[in-house]
N, C-alpha and C. Protein backbone atom coordinates (compact mmCIF):
# COMPACT_ATOMS: atom_id res chain seq x y z
N MET A 1 -5.53 0.65 -0.85
CA MET A 1 -6.12 -0.13 -1.79
C MET A 1 -5.71 0.04 -3.17
N VAL A 2 -6.09 -1.17 -3.98
CA VAL A 2 -5.89 -1.06 -5.43
C VAL A 2 -7.02 -0.19 -6.14
N ASN A 3 -6.46 0.73 -6.96
CA ASN A 3 -7.44 1.39 -7.66
C ASN A 3 -7.90 0.48 -9.03
N ILE A 4 -9.53 0.32 -8.48
CA ILE A 4 -9.89 -0.84 -9.62
C ILE A 4 -10.92 -0.02 -10.50
N GLY A 5 -11.03 1.07 -10.51
CA GLY A 5 -12.02 1.91 -11.61
C GLY A 5 -12.42 3.09 -11.03
N GLY A 6 -13.22 3.52 -11.95
CA GLY A 6 -13.99 4.88 -11.25
C GLY A 6 -15.12 4.91 -12.21
N ASN A 7 -15.85 6.28 -11.76
CA ASN A 7 -17.13 6.43 -12.55
C ASN A 7 -16.91 7.33 -13.70
N GLY A 8 -15.66 7.70 -13.68
CA GLY A 8 -15.49 8.67 -14.92
C GLY A 8 -16.22 9.83 -15.36
N GLY A 9 -17.02 10.46 -14.05
CA GLY A 9 -17.48 11.66 -14.12
C GLY A 9 -19.27 11.41 -14.40
N ASP A 10 -19.42 9.95 -14.68
CA ASP A 10 -20.83 9.64 -15.18
C ASP A 10 -21.54 9.01 -13.60
N LYS A 11 -22.58 10.09 -13.30
CA LYS A 11 -23.09 9.82 -11.81
C LYS A 11 -24.13 8.54 -11.89
N ASN A 12 -24.36 8.16 -13.15
CA ASN A 12 -25.23 6.84 -13.13
C ASN A 12 -24.51 5.51 -12.98
N LYS A 13 -23.16 5.52 -12.93
CA LYS A 13 -22.25 4.44 -12.97
C LYS A 13 -21.91 4.39 -11.36
N LYS A 14 -21.61 3.01 -10.86
CA LYS A 14 -21.16 2.62 -9.53
C LYS A 14 -19.68 3.09 -9.76
N PRO A 15 -19.57 3.38 -8.39
CA PRO A 15 -18.02 4.26 -7.94
C PRO A 15 -17.12 3.27 -8.66
N PHE A 16 -17.10 2.06 -8.63
CA PHE A 16 -15.86 1.09 -9.09
C PHE A 16 -16.61 0.19 -10.23
N GLY A 17 -17.57 0.60 -10.83
CA GLY A 17 -18.06 -0.09 -12.03
C GLY A 17 -18.04 -1.48 -11.68
N ASP A 18 -18.08 -2.41 -12.53
CA ASP A 18 -18.42 -3.86 -12.35
C ASP A 18 -17.35 -4.64 -12.49
N GLU A 19 -16.17 -3.65 -12.24
CA GLU A 19 -14.75 -4.33 -12.59
C GLU A 19 -14.29 -4.97 -11.15
N LYS A 20 -13.64 -5.98 -11.03
CA LYS A 20 -13.11 -6.72 -10.05
C LYS A 20 -11.49 -7.03 -10.33
N VAL A 21 -10.73 -6.95 -9.30
CA VAL A 21 -9.44 -7.22 -9.40
C VAL A 21 -9.23 -8.75 -9.83
N LYS A 22 -8.14 -8.93 -10.79
CA LYS A 22 -7.79 -10.36 -11.15
C LYS A 22 -6.65 -10.35 -10.60
N PHE A 23 -6.52 -11.50 -10.05
CA PHE A 23 -5.19 -12.08 -9.25
C PHE A 23 -4.44 -12.85 -10.04
N PRO A 24 -3.12 -13.12 -10.12
CA PRO A 24 -2.29 -12.45 -9.44
C PRO A 24 -2.33 -10.70 -9.92
N VAL A 25 -1.93 -9.87 -9.11
CA VAL A 25 -2.02 -8.50 -9.56
C VAL A 25 -0.58 -7.79 -9.02
N SER A 26 -0.24 -6.87 -9.75
CA SER A 26 1.24 -6.09 -9.52
C SER A 26 0.51 -4.60 -9.45
N TYR A 27 1.25 -4.04 -8.51
CA TYR A 27 0.99 -2.53 -8.29
C TYR A 27 1.75 -1.73 -7.21
N ASP A 28 1.85 -0.57 -7.16
CA ASP A 28 2.83 0.15 -6.62
C ASP A 28 1.71 0.37 -4.87
N LEU A 29 2.43 -0.02 -4.16
CA LEU A 29 1.74 0.04 -2.99
C LEU A 29 2.21 1.31 -1.96
N LYS A 30 1.61 2.19 -1.55
CA LYS A 30 1.94 3.25 -0.98
C LYS A 30 1.62 3.34 0.62
N VAL A 31 2.49 3.43 1.42
CA VAL A 31 2.46 3.55 2.77
C VAL A 31 2.80 5.01 3.45
N ILE A 32 1.99 5.77 4.15
CA ILE A 32 2.44 6.83 4.84
C ILE A 32 2.36 6.66 6.15
N LEU A 33 3.39 7.30 6.71
CA LEU A 33 3.54 7.29 8.11
C LEU A 33 4.06 8.68 8.82
N ASP A 34 3.96 8.64 9.93
CA ASP A 34 4.48 9.72 10.85
C ASP A 34 6.06 9.78 10.70
N ASN A 35 6.77 11.04 10.37
CA ASN A 35 8.31 10.99 10.31
C ASN A 35 9.05 11.08 11.46
N ASN A 36 8.76 10.17 12.49
CA ASN A 36 9.43 10.14 13.79
C ASN A 36 10.15 9.14 14.14
N ASN A 37 10.86 8.24 13.00
CA ASN A 37 11.56 7.32 13.19
C ASN A 37 12.64 7.22 12.23
N PRO A 38 13.71 6.77 12.24
CA PRO A 38 14.83 6.67 11.20
C PRO A 38 14.09 5.97 9.85
N VAL A 39 14.32 6.63 8.71
CA VAL A 39 13.84 5.68 7.43
C VAL A 39 14.32 4.46 7.32
N ASP A 40 15.38 4.01 7.80
CA ASP A 40 15.90 2.61 7.67
C ASP A 40 14.85 1.77 8.35
N ASP A 41 14.79 2.17 9.67
CA ASP A 41 13.77 1.26 10.61
C ASP A 41 12.50 1.36 10.17
N ILE A 42 11.88 2.49 9.51
CA ILE A 42 10.50 2.23 8.95
C ILE A 42 10.36 1.20 7.80
N GLN A 43 11.58 1.47 6.97
CA GLN A 43 11.44 0.45 5.66
C GLN A 43 11.66 -1.01 6.22
N LYS A 44 12.38 -1.14 6.94
CA LYS A 44 12.71 -2.37 7.70
C LYS A 44 11.26 -3.13 8.15
N ALA A 45 10.46 -2.26 8.89
CA ALA A 45 9.10 -2.71 9.50
C ALA A 45 8.21 -3.02 8.29
N ILE A 46 8.21 -2.26 7.25
CA ILE A 46 7.47 -2.52 5.96
C ILE A 46 8.03 -3.67 5.30
N GLU A 47 9.37 -3.86 5.29
CA GLU A 47 9.91 -5.25 4.46
C GLU A 47 9.19 -6.49 5.36
N LYS A 48 9.59 -6.30 6.73
CA LYS A 48 9.17 -7.45 7.62
C LYS A 48 7.58 -8.00 7.39
N VAL A 49 6.72 -6.91 7.47
CA VAL A 49 5.28 -7.48 7.10
C VAL A 49 5.37 -8.07 5.67
N LEU A 50 6.02 -7.25 4.54
CA LEU A 50 5.64 -8.07 3.43
C LEU A 50 6.51 -9.41 3.27
N LYS A 51 7.32 -9.49 3.93
CA LYS A 51 7.99 -11.03 3.94
C LYS A 51 7.21 -12.20 4.82
N GLN A 52 6.49 -11.40 5.92
CA GLN A 52 5.74 -12.34 6.72
C GLN A 52 4.42 -12.64 5.93
N GLN A 53 3.92 -11.67 4.99
CA GLN A 53 2.84 -12.15 4.23
C GLN A 53 3.06 -12.72 3.07
N LYS A 54 4.51 -12.92 2.79
CA LYS A 54 4.87 -13.70 1.44
C LYS A 54 4.62 -13.02 0.35
N VAL A 55 4.69 -11.63 0.32
CA VAL A 55 4.34 -10.79 -0.85
C VAL A 55 5.68 -10.43 -1.43
N SER A 56 5.66 -10.59 -2.96
CA SER A 56 6.83 -10.40 -3.64
C SER A 56 6.94 -8.69 -3.67
N PHE A 57 8.27 -8.04 -3.43
CA PHE A 57 8.38 -6.65 -3.53
C PHE A 57 9.63 -6.50 -4.16
N THR A 58 9.55 -5.30 -4.76
CA THR A 58 11.05 -4.73 -5.38
C THR A 58 10.63 -3.01 -5.34
N ASP A 59 11.66 -2.38 -5.53
CA ASP A 59 11.99 -0.92 -5.78
C ASP A 59 11.25 -0.08 -4.67
N PHE A 60 12.00 -0.19 -3.53
CA PHE A 60 11.39 0.86 -2.21
C PHE A 60 11.88 2.42 -2.64
N ARG A 61 10.86 3.16 -2.72
CA ARG A 61 11.16 4.63 -2.76
C ARG A 61 10.28 5.30 -1.56
N SER A 62 11.13 6.49 -1.16
CA SER A 62 10.55 7.16 -0.22
C SER A 62 10.81 8.66 -0.49
N LYS A 63 9.52 9.33 0.28
CA LYS A 63 9.41 10.92 0.11
C LYS A 63 8.93 11.41 1.23
N LEU A 64 9.53 12.56 1.89
CA LEU A 64 9.02 13.22 2.39
C LEU A 64 7.95 14.23 2.28
N SER A 65 7.00 14.50 3.17
CA SER A 65 5.91 15.76 2.73
C SER A 65 6.51 17.05 2.84
N SER A 66 5.83 17.96 2.32
CA SER A 66 6.52 19.33 2.28
C SER A 66 7.00 19.90 3.56
N ASN A 67 6.16 19.41 4.57
CA ASN A 67 6.42 19.89 6.13
C ASN A 67 7.61 19.07 6.70
N ASP A 68 7.69 18.09 6.21
CA ASP A 68 8.63 16.95 6.61
C ASP A 68 8.07 16.32 7.79
N LYS A 69 6.89 16.45 8.10
CA LYS A 69 6.01 15.68 9.10
C LYS A 69 5.71 14.38 8.75
N TYR A 70 5.23 13.97 7.49
CA TYR A 70 5.13 12.53 7.29
C TYR A 70 5.89 12.08 6.09
N ILE A 71 6.17 10.75 5.98
CA ILE A 71 7.02 10.41 5.00
C ILE A 71 6.39 9.18 4.32
N SER A 72 6.52 9.09 3.06
CA SER A 72 5.58 7.85 2.33
C SER A 72 6.49 7.13 1.62
N PHE A 73 6.32 5.95 1.48
CA PHE A 73 6.90 4.84 0.93
C PHE A 73 6.08 4.33 -0.16
N THR A 74 6.68 4.07 -1.16
CA THR A 74 6.14 3.28 -2.22
C THR A 74 6.96 2.11 -2.62
N VAL A 75 6.34 0.76 -2.79
CA VAL A 75 7.20 -0.29 -2.98
C VAL A 75 6.23 -1.13 -4.17
N SER A 76 6.88 -1.63 -5.21
CA SER A 76 6.39 -2.55 -6.07
C SER A 76 5.98 -3.95 -5.54
N VAL A 77 4.67 -4.21 -5.47
CA VAL A 77 4.28 -5.57 -5.11
C VAL A 77 3.66 -6.32 -6.03
N SER A 78 3.55 -7.65 -5.76
CA SER A 78 2.56 -8.79 -6.52
C SER A 78 2.10 -9.46 -5.40
N ILE A 79 0.64 -9.22 -5.58
CA ILE A 79 -0.38 -10.01 -4.64
C ILE A 79 -0.84 -11.04 -5.36
N ALA A 80 -0.94 -12.46 -4.65
CA ALA A 80 -1.46 -13.52 -5.48
C ALA A 80 -3.00 -13.84 -5.04
N SER A 81 -3.49 -13.32 -4.08
CA SER A 81 -4.89 -13.45 -4.29
C SER A 81 -5.73 -12.07 -3.06
N HIS A 82 -6.94 -12.54 -3.31
CA HIS A 82 -7.70 -11.09 -2.51
C HIS A 82 -7.41 -11.57 -0.76
N GLU A 83 -7.48 -12.89 -0.51
CA GLU A 83 -7.12 -12.91 1.01
C GLU A 83 -5.71 -12.46 1.42
N GLN A 84 -4.66 -12.83 0.29
CA GLN A 84 -3.24 -12.14 0.69
C GLN A 84 -3.24 -10.74 0.98
N MET A 85 -4.11 -10.17 -0.03
CA MET A 85 -4.09 -8.68 -0.02
C MET A 85 -4.95 -7.90 1.35
N THR A 86 -5.75 -8.85 1.44
CA THR A 86 -6.51 -8.25 2.97
C THR A 86 -5.60 -8.73 4.30
N SER A 87 -5.08 -9.66 4.03
CA SER A 87 -3.98 -9.91 5.10
C SER A 87 -2.93 -8.85 5.40
N LEU A 88 -2.53 -8.47 4.05
CA LEU A 88 -1.37 -7.37 4.14
C LEU A 88 -1.78 -6.13 4.76
N TYR A 89 -3.05 -5.77 4.29
CA TYR A 89 -3.48 -4.36 4.81
C TYR A 89 -3.53 -4.57 6.21
N GLU A 90 -4.15 -5.39 6.77
CA GLU A 90 -4.42 -5.78 8.21
C GLU A 90 -2.90 -5.81 8.97
N SER A 91 -2.10 -6.49 8.31
CA SER A 91 -0.65 -6.51 8.97
C SER A 91 -0.07 -5.06 8.93
N LEU A 92 -0.28 -4.50 7.88
CA LEU A 92 0.54 -3.14 8.01
C LEU A 92 -0.17 -1.99 9.04
N LYS A 93 -1.33 -2.36 9.62
CA LYS A 93 -1.75 -1.47 10.61
C LYS A 93 -0.91 -1.65 11.96
N SER A 94 -0.20 -2.64 11.95
CA SER A 94 0.72 -2.87 13.22
C SER A 94 1.89 -2.11 13.07
N ILE A 95 2.47 -1.22 12.27
CA ILE A 95 3.37 -0.80 12.25
C ILE A 95 3.38 0.86 12.75
N PRO A 96 3.96 1.21 13.69
CA PRO A 96 3.74 2.13 14.61
C PRO A 96 3.77 3.65 13.47
N GLY A 97 3.06 4.53 13.71
CA GLY A 97 2.96 5.78 13.15
C GLY A 97 2.29 5.62 11.83
N ILE A 98 1.67 4.51 11.54
CA ILE A 98 1.11 4.34 10.02
C ILE A 98 0.04 5.25 9.95
N LYS A 99 -0.42 5.92 8.94
CA LYS A 99 -1.64 6.69 8.72
C LYS A 99 -2.31 6.31 7.59
N LEU A 100 -1.93 5.56 6.46
CA LEU A 100 -2.51 5.26 5.58
C LEU A 100 -1.65 4.16 4.65
N ALA A 101 -2.36 3.16 4.16
CA ALA A 101 -1.86 2.57 3.13
C ALA A 101 -2.62 2.39 2.00
N LEU A 102 -2.23 2.35 0.61
CA LEU A 102 -3.17 2.38 -0.57
C LEU A 102 -2.33 1.76 -1.89
């Protein structure tokens, strides 16, 4: 998910304040998966979802966890609407081995 705020340590504030995401929005999407498929295949699966959802993206980066059990991909994305964001996260769930997308 997009980080849209925090309570800054103030217990009286709402966790995300009264802030709302203003679209279009650009941010780094991070996708964490099991590291049991070739990196190129995983990246292609993520790219396929992004293209299907008509999400603009650039700058793929990947990193293995310290024990090589997981791999994370970070990609810069531009999201046009709340509906597109919701659909993107739902579609990412279809990628085999996905653990988290934020």
